[in-house]
């Protein structure tokens, strides 16, 4: 799993880490029982503070995506497939709301938006 952070996105670094780990779990790139990088190692690799990674990991524990096992560190939890699908659907719903709001703000009508989405669907 590779985590890529953007300092210009406006999204907090811990949120970017959390989102990318969550996606890796839901998409099966990270499987139950797999260890996540240590807090210090990931902080060093990403050149962020230890507190940034700690907050991301603790949020993932609260979401039951990973667990903190004594002596092993943070480990991917067993995630129910239906729960993963529901979480992905919720993120998609939020993203769709943002797209619709942006389209309306740019005075792009529904047909033009549908065309844009069809193009993205084919090319991505």
C-alpha atoms as a PDB file:
ATOM      1  CA  UNK A   1       0.000   0.000   0.000  1.00  0.00           C
ATOM      2  CA  UNK A   2       1.337   3.369  -0.987  1.00  0.00           C
ATOM      3  CA  UNK A   3       0.032   6.515   0.671  1.00  0.00           C
ATOM      4  CA  UNK A   4       0.369   9.764  -1.243  1.00  0.00           C
ATOM      5  CA  UNK A   5      -0.285  13.048   0.554  1.00  0.00           C
ATOM      6  CA  UNK A   6      -1.033  16.445  -0.898  1.00  0.00           C
ATOM      7  CA  UNK A   7      -0.228  19.545   1.103  1.00  0.00           C
ATOM      8  CA  UNK A   8      -2.262  21.683  -1.285  1.00  0.00           C
ATOM      9  CA  UNK A   9      -5.529  19.717  -1.253  1.00  0.00           C
ATOM     10  CA  UNK A  10      -7.067  21.458   1.737  1.00  0.00           C
ATOM     11  CA  UNK A  11      -7.803  18.058   3.314  1.00  0.00           C
ATOM     12  CA  UNK A  12      -5.948  17.467   6.593  1.00  0.00           C
ATOM     13  CA  UNK A  13      -3.045  15.038   6.337  1.00  0.00           C
ATOM     14  CA  UNK A  14      -4.512  12.650   8.928  1.00  0.00           C
ATOM     15  CA  UNK A  15      -7.740  12.526   6.908  1.00  0.00           C
ATOM     16  CA  UNK A  16      -5.811  11.714   3.716  1.00  0.00           C
ATOM     17  CA  UNK A  17      -3.998   8.868   5.496  1.00  0.00           C
ATOM     18  CA  UNK A  18      -7.238   7.537   6.971  1.00  0.00           C
ATOM     19  CA  UNK A  19      -9.056   7.687   3.624  1.00  0.00           C
ATOM     20  CA  UNK A  20      -6.308   5.852   1.767  1.00  0.00           C
ATOM     21  CA  UNK A  21      -5.946   3.104   4.387  1.00  0.00           C
ATOM     22  CA  UNK A  22      -9.730   2.685   4.534  1.00  0.00           C
ATOM     23  CA  UNK A  23      -9.897   2.383   0.746  1.00  0.00           C
ATOM     24  CA  UNK A  24      -7.076  -0.170   0.723  1.00  0.00           C
ATOM     25  CA  UNK A  25      -8.976  -2.286   3.262  1.00  0.00           C
ATOM     26  CA  UNK A  26     -12.337  -2.005   1.506  1.00  0.00           C
ATOM     27  CA  UNK A  27     -10.795  -2.820  -1.864  1.00  0.00           C
ATOM     28  CA  UNK A  28      -8.956  -5.858  -0.484  1.00  0.00           C
ATOM     29  CA  UNK A  29      -5.454  -4.468  -0.930  1.00  0.00           C
ATOM     30  CA  UNK A  30      -5.003  -4.844   2.835  1.00  0.00           C
ATOM     31  CA  UNK A  31      -6.479  -7.984   4.383  1.00  0.00           C
ATOM     32  CA  UNK A  32      -7.565  -8.922   7.897  1.00  0.00           C
ATOM     33  CA  UNK A  33      -4.598  -9.638  10.154  1.00  0.00           C
ATOM     34  CA  UNK A  34      -2.136  -7.642   8.070  1.00  0.00           C
ATOM     35  CA  UNK A  35       0.015  -5.214  10.055  1.00  0.00           C
ATOM     36  CA  UNK A  36      -0.030  -1.561   9.169  1.00  0.00           C
ATOM     37  CA  UNK A  37       3.267   0.313   9.159  1.00  0.00           C
ATOM     38  CA  UNK A  38       4.316   1.424  12.631  1.00  0.00           C
ATOM     39  CA  UNK A  39       3.371   4.930  13.680  1.00  0.00           C
ATOM     40  CA  UNK A  40       6.985   6.103  13.626  1.00  0.00           C
ATOM     41  CA  UNK A  41       7.810   4.405  10.337  1.00  0.00           C
ATOM     42  CA  UNK A  42       4.793   5.842   8.520  1.00  0.00           C
ATOM     43  CA  UNK A  43       5.386   9.304   9.980  1.00  0.00           C
ATOM     44  CA  UNK A  44       8.999   9.181   8.782  1.00  0.00           C
ATOM     45  CA  UNK A  45       8.051   7.819   5.348  1.00  0.00           C
ATOM     46  CA  UNK A  46       5.377  10.491   4.813  1.00  0.00           C
ATOM     47  CA  UNK A  47       7.382  13.250   6.524  1.00  0.00           C
ATOM     48  CA  UNK A  48       4.542  14.140   8.857  1.00  0.00           C
ATOM     49  CA  UNK A  49       4.346  14.333  12.624  1.00  0.00           C
ATOM     50  CA  UNK A  50       3.818  11.271  14.762  1.00  0.00           C
ATOM     51  CA  UNK A  51       0.614  12.872  16.050  1.00  0.00           C
ATOM     52  CA  UNK A  52      -0.788  13.037  12.489  1.00  0.00           C
ATOM     53  CA  UNK A  53      -0.379   9.294  11.967  1.00  0.00           C
ATOM     54  CA  UNK A  54      -1.579   8.543  15.504  1.00  0.00           C
ATOM     55  CA  UNK A  55      -4.797  10.476  14.897  1.00  0.00           C
ATOM     56  CA  UNK A  56      -5.413   8.677  11.587  1.00  0.00           C
ATOM     57  CA  UNK A  57      -4.817   5.244  13.122  1.00  0.00           C
ATOM     58  CA  UNK A  58      -6.934   5.984  16.193  1.00  0.00           C
ATOM     59  CA  UNK A  59      -9.787   7.117  13.940  1.00  0.00           C
ATOM     60  CA  UNK A  60      -9.471   3.860  11.991  1.00  0.00           C
ATOM     61  CA  UNK A  61      -9.682   1.924  15.260  1.00  0.00           C
ATOM     62  CA  UNK A  62     -12.834   3.883  16.180  1.00  0.00           C
ATOM     63  CA  UNK A  63     -14.290   2.921  12.775  1.00  0.00           C
ATOM     64  CA  UNK A  64     -13.370  -0.733  13.475  1.00  0.00           C
ATOM     65  CA  UNK A  65     -11.202  -0.903  10.370  1.00  0.00           C
ATOM     66  CA  UNK A  66      -8.139  -1.810  12.377  1.00  0.00           C
ATOM     67  CA  UNK A  67      -7.246  -2.783  15.928  1.00  0.00           C
ATOM     68  CA  UNK A  68      -4.266  -1.960  18.112  1.00  0.00           C
ATOM     69  CA  UNK A  69      -2.829  -5.277  19.286  1.00  0.00           C
ATOM     70  CA  UNK A  70      -0.354  -5.262  22.140  1.00  0.00           C
ATOM     71  CA  UNK A  71       3.067  -6.218  20.826  1.00  0.00           C
ATOM     72  CA  UNK A  72       2.001  -6.193  17.165  1.00  0.00           C
ATOM     73  CA  UNK A  73       0.876  -2.635  16.594  1.00  0.00           C
ATOM     74  CA  UNK A  74      -2.031  -1.701  14.363  1.00  0.00           C
ATOM     75  CA  UNK A  75      -3.555  -4.614  12.471  1.00  0.00           C
ATOM     76  CA  UNK A  76      -6.323  -4.677   9.859  1.00  0.00           C
ATOM     77  CA  UNK A  77      -9.569  -5.926  11.387  1.00  0.00           C
ATOM     78  CA  UNK A  78     -11.998  -8.381   9.823  1.00  0.00           C
ATOM     79  CA  UNK A  79     -14.343  -6.097   7.901  1.00  0.00           C
ATOM     80  CA  UNK A  80     -17.788  -7.363   6.961  1.00  0.00           C
ATOM     81  CA  UNK A  81     -18.295  -7.143   3.174  1.00  0.00           C
ATOM     82  CA  UNK A  82     -21.707  -5.516   3.572  1.00  0.00           C
ATOM     83  CA  UNK A  83     -20.294  -2.920   5.959  1.00  0.00           C
ATOM     84  CA  UNK A  84     -17.516  -2.145   3.481  1.00  0.00           C
ATOM     85  CA  UNK A  85     -20.074  -1.778   0.680  1.00  0.00           C
ATOM     86  CA  UNK A  86     -22.250   0.511   2.817  1.00  0.00           C
ATOM     87  CA  UNK A  87     -19.270   2.678   3.745  1.00  0.00           C
ATOM     88  CA  UNK A  88     -18.189   2.910   0.114  1.00  0.00           C
ATOM     89  CA  UNK A  89     -21.750   3.804  -0.881  1.00  0.00           C
ATOM     90  CA  UNK A  90     -21.829   6.583   1.740  1.00  0.00           C
ATOM     91  CA  UNK A  91     -18.554   8.029   0.438  1.00  0.00           C
ATOM     92  CA  UNK A  92     -19.875   7.833  -3.119  1.00  0.00           C
ATOM     93  CA  UNK A  93     -23.073   9.592  -2.078  1.00  0.00           C
ATOM     94  CA  UNK A  94     -21.069  12.431  -0.497  1.00  0.00           C
ATOM     95  CA  UNK A  95     -18.858  12.732  -3.575  1.00  0.00           C
ATOM     96  CA  UNK A  96     -21.908  12.773  -5.861  1.00  0.00           C
ATOM     97  CA  UNK A  97     -23.429  15.588  -3.808  1.00  0.00           C
ATOM     98  CA  UNK A  98     -20.244  17.608  -4.241  1.00  0.00           C
ATOM     99  CA  UNK A  99     -20.215  16.955  -8.003  1.00  0.00           C
ATOM    100  CA  UNK A 100     -23.846  18.003  -8.386  1.00  0.00           C
ATOM    101  CA  UNK A 101     -23.270  21.170  -6.348  1.00  0.00           C
ATOM    102  CA  UNK A 102     -20.191  22.033  -8.430  1.00  0.00           C
ATOM    103  CA  UNK A 103     -22.084  21.399 -11.672  1.00  0.00           C
ATOM    104  CA  UNK A 104     -24.959  23.600 -10.580  1.00  0.00           C
ATOM    105  CA  UNK A 105     -22.507  26.318  -9.547  1.00  0.00           C
ATOM    106  CA  UNK A 106     -20.900  26.144 -12.988  1.00  0.00           C
ATOM    107  CA  UNK A 107     -24.343  26.110 -14.685  1.00  0.00           C
ATOM    108  CA  UNK A 108     -23.728  22.675 -16.166  1.00  0.00           C
ATOM    109  CA  UNK A 109     -27.029  20.965 -16.885  1.00  0.00           C
ATOM    110  CA  UNK A 110     -27.869  17.360 -16.085  1.00  0.00           C
ATOM    111  CA  UNK A 111     -27.298  16.115 -19.648  1.00  0.00           C
ATOM    112  CA  UNK A 112     -23.836  17.666 -19.812  1.00  0.00           C
ATOM    113  CA  UNK A 113     -23.002  16.263 -16.371  1.00  0.00           C
ATOM    114  CA  UNK A 114     -24.168  12.811 -17.485  1.00  0.00           C
ATOM    115  CA  UNK A 115     -21.932  13.078 -20.556  1.00  0.00           C
ATOM    116  CA  UNK A 116     -18.967  14.024 -18.346  1.00  0.00           C
ATOM    117  CA  UNK A 117     -19.626  11.084 -16.026  1.00  0.00           C
ATOM    118  CA  UNK A 118     -19.965   8.678 -18.969  1.00  0.00           C
ATOM    119  CA  UNK A 119     -16.598   9.853 -20.316  1.00  0.00           C
ATOM    120  CA  UNK A 120     -14.960   9.363 -16.919  1.00  0.00           C
ATOM    121  CA  UNK A 121     -16.547   5.933 -16.531  1.00  0.00           C
ATOM    122  CA  UNK A 122     -15.069   4.807 -19.864  1.00  0.00           C
ATOM    123  CA  UNK A 123     -11.602   6.278 -19.347  1.00  0.00           C
ATOM    124  CA  UNK A 124     -10.948   5.525 -15.692  1.00  0.00           C
END
